[in-house]
Full PDB file with SEQRES, HELIX, SHEET, SSBOND, CRYST1, ORIGX, SCALE, CONECT and MASTER records, all heavy atoms in Angstrom:
SEQRES   1 A   30  ASP ARG SER PHE VAL ALA GLY ILE ARG TRP ASP THR GLY          
SEQRES   2 A   30  SER THR TYR TYR THR ASP SER VAL LYS GLY ARG PHE THR          
SEQRES   3 A   30  ILE SER ARG ASP                                              
HELIX    1 AA1 ASP A   19  VAL A   21  5                                   3    
SHEET    1 AA1 2 ALA A   6  ILE A   8  0                                        
SHEET    2 AA1 2 THR A  15  TYR A  17 -1                                        
CRYST1    1.000    1.000    1.000  90.00  90.00  90.00 P 1           1          
ORIGX1      1.000000  0.000000  0.000000        0.00000                         
ORIGX2      0.000000  1.000000  0.000000        0.00000                         
ORIGX3      0.000000  0.000000  1.000000        0.00000                         
SCALE1      1.000000  0.000000  0.000000        0.00000                         
SCALE2      0.000000  1.000000  0.000000        0.00000                         
SCALE3      0.000000  0.000000  1.000000        0.00000                         
ATOM      1  N   ASP A   1      24.264   8.060  21.423  1.00  0.00           N  
ATOM      2  CA  ASP A   1      24.538   7.203  20.233  1.00  0.00           C  
ATOM      3  C   ASP A   1      24.051   7.889  18.974  1.00  0.00           C  
ATOM      4  O   ASP A   1      23.143   8.651  18.969  1.00  0.00           O  
ATOM      5  CB  ASP A   1      23.937   5.864  20.401  1.00  0.00           C  
ATOM      6  CG  ASP A   1      24.544   5.052  21.533  1.00  0.00           C  
ATOM      7  OD1 ASP A   1      25.677   5.268  21.908  1.00  0.00           O  
ATOM      8  OD2 ASP A   1      23.812   4.183  22.139  1.00  0.00           O  
ATOM      9  N   ARG A   2      24.688   7.415  17.916  1.00  0.00           N  
ATOM     10  CA  ARG A   2      24.198   7.908  16.561  1.00  0.00           C  
ATOM     11  C   ARG A   2      22.939   7.176  16.161  1.00  0.00           C  
ATOM     12  O   ARG A   2      22.822   5.949  16.289  1.00  0.00           O  
ATOM     13  CB  ARG A   2      25.329   7.570  15.467  1.00  0.00           C  
ATOM     14  CG  ARG A   2      25.112   8.214  14.187  1.00  0.00           C  
ATOM     15  CD  ARG A   2      26.330   7.953  13.277  1.00  0.00           C  
ATOM     16  NE  ARG A   2      27.521   8.367  13.824  1.00  0.00           N  
ATOM     17  CZ  ARG A   2      28.722   8.304  13.211  1.00  0.00           C  
ATOM     18  NH1 ARG A   2      28.769   7.807  12.005  1.00  0.00           N  
ATOM     19  NH2 ARG A   2      29.793   8.750  13.793  1.00  0.00           N  
ATOM     20  N   SER A   3      21.932   7.884  15.750  1.00  0.00           N  
ATOM     21  CA  SER A   3      20.588   7.314  15.486  1.00  0.00           C  
ATOM     22  C   SER A   3      20.031   7.819  14.132  1.00  0.00           C  
ATOM     23  O   SER A   3      20.406   8.890  13.659  1.00  0.00           O  
ATOM     24  CB  SER A   3      19.693   7.632  16.610  1.00  0.00           C  
ATOM     25  OG  SER A   3      19.447   8.976  16.740  1.00  0.00           O  
ATOM     26  N   PHE A   4      19.167   6.985  13.566  1.00  0.00           N  
ATOM     27  CA  PHE A   4      18.532   7.246  12.329  1.00  0.00           C  
ATOM     28  C   PHE A   4      17.596   8.478  12.347  1.00  0.00           C  
ATOM     29  O   PHE A   4      16.850   8.641  13.272  1.00  0.00           O  
ATOM     30  CB  PHE A   4      17.749   6.002  11.904  1.00  0.00           C  
ATOM     31  CG  PHE A   4      16.990   6.180  10.642  1.00  0.00           C  
ATOM     32  CD1 PHE A   4      17.582   5.974   9.415  1.00  0.00           C  
ATOM     33  CD2 PHE A   4      15.613   6.460  10.635  1.00  0.00           C  
ATOM     34  CE1 PHE A   4      16.893   6.115   8.224  1.00  0.00           C  
ATOM     35  CE2 PHE A   4      14.898   6.615   9.495  1.00  0.00           C  
ATOM     36  CZ  PHE A   4      15.562   6.415   8.246  1.00  0.00           C  
ATOM     37  N   VAL A   5      17.632   9.307  11.329  1.00  0.00           N  
ATOM     38  CA  VAL A   5      16.811  10.429  11.200  1.00  0.00           C  
ATOM     39  C   VAL A   5      15.833  10.311  10.074  1.00  0.00           C  
ATOM     40  O   VAL A   5      14.621  10.362  10.193  1.00  0.00           O  
ATOM     41  CB  VAL A   5      17.545  11.748  11.035  1.00  0.00           C  
ATOM     42  CG1 VAL A   5      16.623  12.933  10.865  1.00  0.00           C  
ATOM     43  CG2 VAL A   5      18.441  11.989  12.252  1.00  0.00           C  
ATOM     44  N   ALA A   6      16.419  10.045   8.801  1.00  0.00           N  
ATOM     45  CA  ALA A   6      15.580   9.923   7.617  1.00  0.00           C  
ATOM     46  C   ALA A   6      16.346   9.146   6.613  1.00  0.00           C  
ATOM     47  O   ALA A   6      17.556   9.183   6.562  1.00  0.00           O  
ATOM     48  CB  ALA A   6      15.198  11.312   7.092  1.00  0.00           C  
ATOM     49  N   GLY A   7      15.634   8.483   5.716  1.00  0.00           N  
ATOM     50  CA  GLY A   7      16.258   7.673   4.653  1.00  0.00           C  
ATOM     51  C   GLY A   7      15.451   7.841   3.369  1.00  0.00           C  
ATOM     52  O   GLY A   7      14.233   8.123   3.393  1.00  0.00           O  
ATOM     53  N   ILE A   8      16.079   7.503   2.236  1.00  0.00           N  
ATOM     54  CA  ILE A   8      15.393   7.651   0.917  1.00  0.00           C  
ATOM     55  C   ILE A   8      15.961   6.549   0.016  1.00  0.00           C  
ATOM     56  O   ILE A   8      17.102   6.303  -0.047  1.00  0.00           O  
ATOM     57  CB  ILE A   8      15.621   9.090   0.359  1.00  0.00           C  
ATOM     58  CG1 ILE A   8      14.750   9.236  -0.926  1.00  0.00           C  
ATOM     59  CG2 ILE A   8      17.043   9.351   0.096  1.00  0.00           C  
ATOM     60  CD1 ILE A   8      14.652  10.667  -1.366  1.00  0.00           C  
ATOM     61  N   ARG A   9      14.994   5.847  -0.643  1.00  0.00           N  
ATOM     62  CA  ARG A   9      15.428   4.931  -1.701  1.00  0.00           C  
ATOM     63  C   ARG A   9      15.836   5.752  -2.903  1.00  0.00           C  
ATOM     64  O   ARG A   9      15.090   6.620  -3.397  1.00  0.00           O  
ATOM     65  CB  ARG A   9      14.188   4.064  -2.135  1.00  0.00           C  
ATOM     66  CG  ARG A   9      13.916   2.931  -1.146  1.00  0.00           C  
ATOM     67  CD  ARG A   9      14.749   1.733  -1.523  1.00  0.00           C  
ATOM     68  NE  ARG A   9      14.592   1.274  -2.821  1.00  0.00           N  
ATOM     69  CZ  ARG A   9      13.637   0.475  -3.306  1.00  0.00           C  
ATOM     70  NH1 ARG A   9      12.741   0.027  -2.423  1.00  0.00           N  
ATOM     71  NH2 ARG A   9      13.538   0.149  -4.541  1.00  0.00           N  
ATOM     72  N   TRP A  10      17.037   5.476  -3.377  1.00  0.00           N  
ATOM     73  CA  TRP A  10      17.633   6.255  -4.475  1.00  0.00           C  
ATOM     74  C   TRP A  10      16.896   6.102  -5.715  1.00  0.00           C  
ATOM     75  O   TRP A  10      16.798   7.059  -6.510  1.00  0.00           O  
ATOM     76  CB  TRP A  10      19.118   5.926  -4.634  1.00  0.00           C  
ATOM     77  CG  TRP A  10      19.865   7.032  -5.212  1.00  0.00           C  
ATOM     78  CD1 TRP A  10      20.322   7.135  -6.468  1.00  0.00           C  
ATOM     79  CD2 TRP A  10      20.187   8.251  -4.581  1.00  0.00           C  
ATOM     80  NE1 TRP A  10      21.002   8.364  -6.709  1.00  0.00           N  
ATOM     81  CE2 TRP A  10      20.967   9.045  -5.524  1.00  0.00           C  
ATOM     82  CE3 TRP A  10      19.992   8.815  -3.338  1.00  0.00           C  
ATOM     83  CZ2 TRP A  10      21.385  10.311  -5.227  1.00  0.00           C  
ATOM     84  CZ3 TRP A  10      20.456  10.070  -3.037  1.00  0.00           C  
ATOM     85  CH2 TRP A  10      21.191  10.809  -3.961  1.00  0.00           C  
ATOM     86  N   ASP A  11      16.374   4.952  -6.041  1.00  0.00           N  
ATOM     87  CA  ASP A  11      15.700   4.690  -7.277  1.00  0.00           C  
ATOM     88  C   ASP A  11      14.277   5.249  -7.333  1.00  0.00           C  
ATOM     89  O   ASP A  11      13.883   5.791  -8.343  1.00  0.00           O  
ATOM     90  CB  ASP A  11      15.742   3.175  -7.645  1.00  0.00           C  
ATOM     91  CG  ASP A  11      15.145   2.328  -6.553  1.00  0.00           C  
ATOM     92  OD1 ASP A  11      14.941   2.813  -5.459  1.00  0.00           O  
ATOM     93  OD2 ASP A  11      14.863   1.155  -6.846  1.00  0.00           O  
ATOM     94  N   THR A  12      13.538   5.027  -6.288  1.00  0.00           N  
ATOM     95  CA  THR A  12      12.100   5.401  -6.290  1.00  0.00           C  
ATOM     96  C   THR A  12      11.808   6.736  -5.600  1.00  0.00           C  
ATOM     97  O   THR A  12      10.793   7.328  -5.861  1.00  0.00           O  
ATOM     98  CB  THR A  12      11.265   4.347  -5.578  1.00  0.00           C  
ATOM     99  OG1 THR A  12      11.604   4.323  -4.179  1.00  0.00           O  
ATOM    100  CG2 THR A  12      11.547   2.967  -6.189  1.00  0.00           C  
ATOM    101  N   GLY A  13      12.703   7.199  -4.685  1.00  0.00           N  
ATOM    102  CA  GLY A  13      12.427   8.380  -3.960  1.00  0.00           C  
ATOM    103  C   GLY A  13      11.546   8.195  -2.712  1.00  0.00           C  
ATOM    104  O   GLY A  13      11.193   9.132  -2.033  1.00  0.00           O  
ATOM    105  N   SER A  14      11.199   6.924  -2.363  1.00  0.00           N  
ATOM    106  CA  SER A  14      10.449   6.630  -1.167  1.00  0.00           C  
ATOM    107  C   SER A  14      11.230   7.128   0.050  1.00  0.00           C  
ATOM    108  O   SER A  14      12.402   6.895   0.107  1.00  0.00           O  
ATOM    109  CB  SER A  14      10.139   5.168  -1.102  1.00  0.00           C  
ATOM    110  OG  SER A  14       9.367   4.729  -2.165  1.00  0.00           O  
ATOM    111  N   THR A  15      10.527   7.725   0.990  1.00  0.00           N  
ATOM    112  CA  THR A  15      11.216   8.281   2.190  1.00  0.00           C  
ATOM    113  C   THR A  15      10.655   7.602   3.476  1.00  0.00           C  
ATOM    114  O   THR A  15       9.573   7.173   3.571  1.00  0.00           O  
ATOM    115  CB  THR A  15      10.915   9.847   2.161  1.00  0.00           C  
ATOM    116  OG1 THR A  15       9.524  10.063   2.299  1.00  0.00           O  
ATOM    117  CG2 THR A  15      11.577  10.482   0.998  1.00  0.00           C  
ATOM    118  N   TYR A  16      11.587   7.755   4.511  1.00  0.00           N  
ATOM    119  CA  TYR A  16      11.321   7.124   5.797  1.00  0.00           C  
ATOM    120  C   TYR A  16      11.901   8.113   6.826  1.00  0.00           C  
ATOM    121  O   TYR A  16      12.973   8.658   6.683  1.00  0.00           O  
ATOM    122  CB  TYR A  16      11.960   5.764   5.884  1.00  0.00           C  
ATOM    123  CG  TYR A  16      11.650   4.855   4.694  1.00  0.00           C  
ATOM    124  CD1 TYR A  16      12.435   4.888   3.584  1.00  0.00           C  
ATOM    125  CD2 TYR A  16      10.555   4.013   4.721  1.00  0.00           C  
ATOM    126  CE1 TYR A  16      12.182   4.094   2.493  1.00  0.00           C  
ATOM    127  CE2 TYR A  16      10.236   3.242   3.652  1.00  0.00           C  
ATOM    128  CZ  TYR A  16      11.052   3.196   2.589  1.00  0.00           C  
ATOM    129  OH  TYR A  16      10.725   2.450   1.476  1.00  0.00           O  
ATOM    130  N   TYR A  17      11.168   8.244   7.960  1.00  0.00           N  
ATOM    131  CA  TYR A  17      11.523   9.194   8.990  1.00  0.00           C  
ATOM    132  C   TYR A  17      11.414   8.547  10.366  1.00  0.00           C  
ATOM    133  O   TYR A  17      10.501   7.746  10.606  1.00  0.00           O  
ATOM    134  CB  TYR A  17      10.709  10.397   8.912  1.00  0.00           C  
ATOM    135  CG  TYR A  17      10.792  11.203   7.665  1.00  0.00           C  
ATOM    136  CD1 TYR A  17       9.844  10.974   6.601  1.00  0.00           C  
ATOM    137  CD2 TYR A  17      11.730  12.174   7.524  1.00  0.00           C  
ATOM    138  CE1 TYR A  17       9.973  11.706   5.462  1.00  0.00           C  
ATOM    139  CE2 TYR A  17      11.831  12.896   6.363  1.00  0.00           C  
ATOM    140  CZ  TYR A  17      10.943  12.650   5.286  1.00  0.00           C  
ATOM    141  OH  TYR A  17      11.031  13.396   4.162  1.00  0.00           O  
ATOM    142  N   THR A  18      12.263   8.982  11.268  1.00  0.00           N  
ATOM    143  CA  THR A  18      12.009   8.752  12.639  1.00  0.00           C  
ATOM    144  C   THR A  18      10.893   9.536  13.147  1.00  0.00           C  
ATOM    145  O   THR A  18      10.630  10.626  12.694  1.00  0.00           O  
ATOM    146  CB  THR A  18      13.303   8.900  13.485  1.00  0.00           C  
ATOM    147  OG1 THR A  18      13.181   8.335  14.808  1.00  0.00           O  
ATOM    148  CG2 THR A  18      13.608  10.362  13.655  1.00  0.00           C  
ATOM    149  N   ASP A  19      10.132   9.100  14.190  1.00  0.00           N  
ATOM    150  CA  ASP A  19       8.897   9.746  14.561  1.00  0.00           C  
ATOM    151  C   ASP A  19       9.134  11.153  15.008  1.00  0.00           C  
ATOM    152  O   ASP A  19       8.258  12.077  14.784  1.00  0.00           O  
ATOM    153  CB  ASP A  19       8.222   8.921  15.721  1.00  0.00           C  
ATOM    154  CG  ASP A  19       7.535   7.664  15.224  1.00  0.00           C  
ATOM    155  OD1 ASP A  19       7.389   7.535  14.008  1.00  0.00           O  
ATOM    156  OD2 ASP A  19       7.270   6.827  16.103  1.00  0.00           O  
ATOM    157  N   SER A  20      10.195  11.449  15.636  1.00  0.00           N  
ATOM    158  CA  SER A  20      10.420  12.767  16.258  1.00  0.00           C  
ATOM    159  C   SER A  20      10.608  13.873  15.228  1.00  0.00           C  
ATOM    160  O   SER A  20      10.503  15.100  15.588  1.00  0.00           O  
ATOM    161  CB  SER A  20      11.653  12.735  17.178  1.00  0.00           C  
ATOM    162  OG  SER A  20      12.819  12.486  16.457  1.00  0.00           O  
ATOM    163  N   VAL A  21      10.832  13.564  13.991  1.00  0.00           N  
ATOM    164  CA  VAL A  21      11.070  14.598  12.992  1.00  0.00           C  
ATOM    165  C   VAL A  21       9.997  14.646  11.940  1.00  0.00           C  
ATOM    166  O   VAL A  21       9.960  15.506  11.015  1.00  0.00           O  
ATOM    167  CB  VAL A  21      12.434  14.439  12.259  1.00  0.00           C  
ATOM    168  CG1 VAL A  21      13.545  14.369  13.315  1.00  0.00           C  
ATOM    169  CG2 VAL A  21      12.460  13.261  11.333  1.00  0.00           C  
ATOM    170  N   LYS A  22       9.047  13.690  11.967  1.00  0.00           N  
ATOM    171  CA  LYS A  22       7.942  13.742  11.001  1.00  0.00           C  
ATOM    172  C   LYS A  22       7.183  15.007  11.007  1.00  0.00           C  
ATOM    173  O   LYS A  22       6.802  15.496  12.066  1.00  0.00           O  
ATOM    174  CB  LYS A  22       6.978  12.531  11.229  1.00  0.00           C  
ATOM    175  CG  LYS A  22       7.575  11.165  10.860  1.00  0.00           C  
ATOM    176  CD  LYS A  22       6.581  10.032  11.176  1.00  0.00           C  
ATOM    177  CE  LYS A  22       7.104   8.711  10.784  1.00  0.00           C  
ATOM    178  NZ  LYS A  22       6.211   7.614  11.118  1.00  0.00           N  
ATOM    179  N   GLY A  23       6.955  15.538   9.812  1.00  0.00           N  
ATOM    180  CA  GLY A  23       6.193  16.848   9.728  1.00  0.00           C  
ATOM    181  C   GLY A  23       7.122  18.041   9.770  1.00  0.00           C  
ATOM    182  O   GLY A  23       6.690  19.201   9.524  1.00  0.00           O  
ATOM    183  N   ARG A  24       8.385  17.808  10.205  1.00  0.00           N  
ATOM    184  CA  ARG A  24       9.313  18.955  10.333  1.00  0.00           C  
ATOM    185  C   ARG A  24      10.489  18.859   9.373  1.00  0.00           C  
ATOM    186  O   ARG A  24      10.909  19.866   8.835  1.00  0.00           O  
ATOM    187  CB  ARG A  24       9.851  19.040  11.771  1.00  0.00           C  
ATOM    188  CG  ARG A  24       8.808  19.231  12.818  1.00  0.00           C  
ATOM    189  CD  ARG A  24       9.414  19.591  14.220  1.00  0.00           C  
ATOM    190  NE  ARG A  24      10.274  18.525  14.661  1.00  0.00           N  
ATOM    191  CZ  ARG A  24      11.534  18.607  14.918  1.00  0.00           C  
ATOM    192  NH1 ARG A  24      12.212  19.674  14.772  1.00  0.00           N  
ATOM    193  NH2 ARG A  24      12.174  17.540  15.424  1.00  0.00           N  
ATOM    194  N   PHE A  25      10.974  17.647   9.185  1.00  0.00           N  
ATOM    195  CA  PHE A  25      12.120  17.398   8.285  1.00  0.00           C  
ATOM    196  C   PHE A  25      11.708  16.763   7.012  1.00  0.00           C  
ATOM    197  O   PHE A  25      10.750  15.992   6.929  1.00  0.00           O  
ATOM    198  CB  PHE A  25      13.148  16.492   8.918  1.00  0.00           C  
ATOM    199  CG  PHE A  25      13.888  17.027  10.171  1.00  0.00           C  
ATOM    200  CD1 PHE A  25      13.523  18.247  10.738  1.00  0.00           C  
ATOM    201  CD2 PHE A  25      14.948  16.395  10.695  1.00  0.00           C  
ATOM    202  CE1 PHE A  25      14.137  18.779  11.787  1.00  0.00           C  
ATOM    203  CE2 PHE A  25      15.643  16.874  11.744  1.00  0.00           C  
ATOM    204  CZ  PHE A  25      15.251  18.064  12.367  1.00  0.00           C  
ATOM    205  N   THR A  26      12.340  17.106   5.881  1.00  0.00           N  
ATOM    206  CA  THR A  26      12.097  16.488   4.616  1.00  0.00           C  
ATOM    207  C   THR A  26      13.436  16.015   3.953  1.00  0.00           C  
ATOM    208  O   THR A  26      14.324  16.850   3.748  1.00  0.00           O  
ATOM    209  CB  THR A  26      11.414  17.439   3.701  1.00  0.00           C  
ATOM    210  OG1 THR A  26      10.173  17.860   4.236  1.00  0.00           O  
ATOM    211  CG2 THR A  26      11.089  16.750   2.325  1.00  0.00           C  
ATOM    212  N   ILE A  27      13.541  14.772   3.615  1.00  0.00           N  
ATOM    213  CA  ILE A  27      14.690  14.220   2.923  1.00  0.00           C  
ATOM    214  C   ILE A  27      14.343  14.198   1.473  1.00  0.00           C  
ATOM    215  O   ILE A  27      13.293  13.883   1.037  1.00  0.00           O  
ATOM    216  CB  ILE A  27      15.121  12.858   3.475  1.00  0.00           C  
ATOM    217  CG1 ILE A  27      16.460  12.371   2.808  1.00  0.00           C  
ATOM    218  CG2 ILE A  27      14.041  11.838   3.235  1.00  0.00           C  
ATOM    219  CD1 ILE A  27      17.066  11.144   3.452  1.00  0.00           C  
ATOM    220  N   SER A  28      15.372  14.563   0.622  1.00  0.00           N  
ATOM    221  CA  SER A  28      15.180  14.453  -0.797  1.00  0.00           C  
ATOM    222  C   SER A  28      16.548  14.220  -1.453  1.00  0.00           C  
ATOM    223  O   SER A  28      17.560  14.315  -0.855  1.00  0.00           O  
ATOM    224  CB  SER A  28      14.610  15.804  -1.322  1.00  0.00           C  
ATOM    225  OG  SER A  28      15.437  16.923  -1.027  1.00  0.00           O  
ATOM    226  N   ARG A  29      16.471  13.927  -2.748  1.00  0.00           N  
ATOM    227  CA  ARG A  29      17.694  13.659  -3.483  1.00  0.00           C  
ATOM    228  C   ARG A  29      17.596  14.226  -4.865  1.00  0.00           C  
ATOM    229  O   ARG A  29      16.535  14.375  -5.451  1.00  0.00           O  
ATOM    230  CB  ARG A  29      18.106  12.151  -3.511  1.00  0.00           C  
ATOM    231  CG  ARG A  29      17.599  11.238  -4.584  1.00  0.00           C  
ATOM    232  CD  ARG A  29      16.155  11.232  -4.847  1.00  0.00           C  
ATOM    233  NE  ARG A  29      15.697  10.093  -5.645  1.00  0.00           N  
ATOM    234  CZ  ARG A  29      14.658  10.184  -6.419  1.00  0.00           C  
ATOM    235  NH1 ARG A  29      13.964  11.324  -6.555  1.00  0.00           N  
ATOM    236  NH2 ARG A  29      14.270   9.118  -7.082  1.00  0.00           N  
ATOM    237  N   ASP A  30      18.750  14.548  -5.505  1.00  0.00           N  
ATOM    238  CA  ASP A  30      18.818  14.871  -6.854  1.00  0.00           C  
ATOM    239  C   ASP A  30      19.813  13.784  -7.427  1.00  0.00           C  
ATOM    240  O   ASP A  30      21.021  13.886  -7.393  1.00  0.00           O  
ATOM    241  CB  ASP A  30      19.452  16.287  -7.041  1.00  0.00           C  
ATOM    242  CG  ASP A  30      19.535  16.742  -8.510  1.00  0.00           C  
ATOM    243  OD1 ASP A  30      19.476  15.878  -9.383  1.00  0.00           O  
ATOM    244  OD2 ASP A  30      19.653  17.921  -8.755  1.00  0.00           O  
TER     245      ASP A  30                                                      
MASTER        0    0    0    1    2    0    0    6  244    1    0    3          
END                                                                             
């Protein structure tokens, strides 16, 4: 199934990660 990896609040830049990618993946936005 399709599952969540990472998310970001567009206004604040706050980030959220699934446990398996913490420390390895970084989400960001411009």
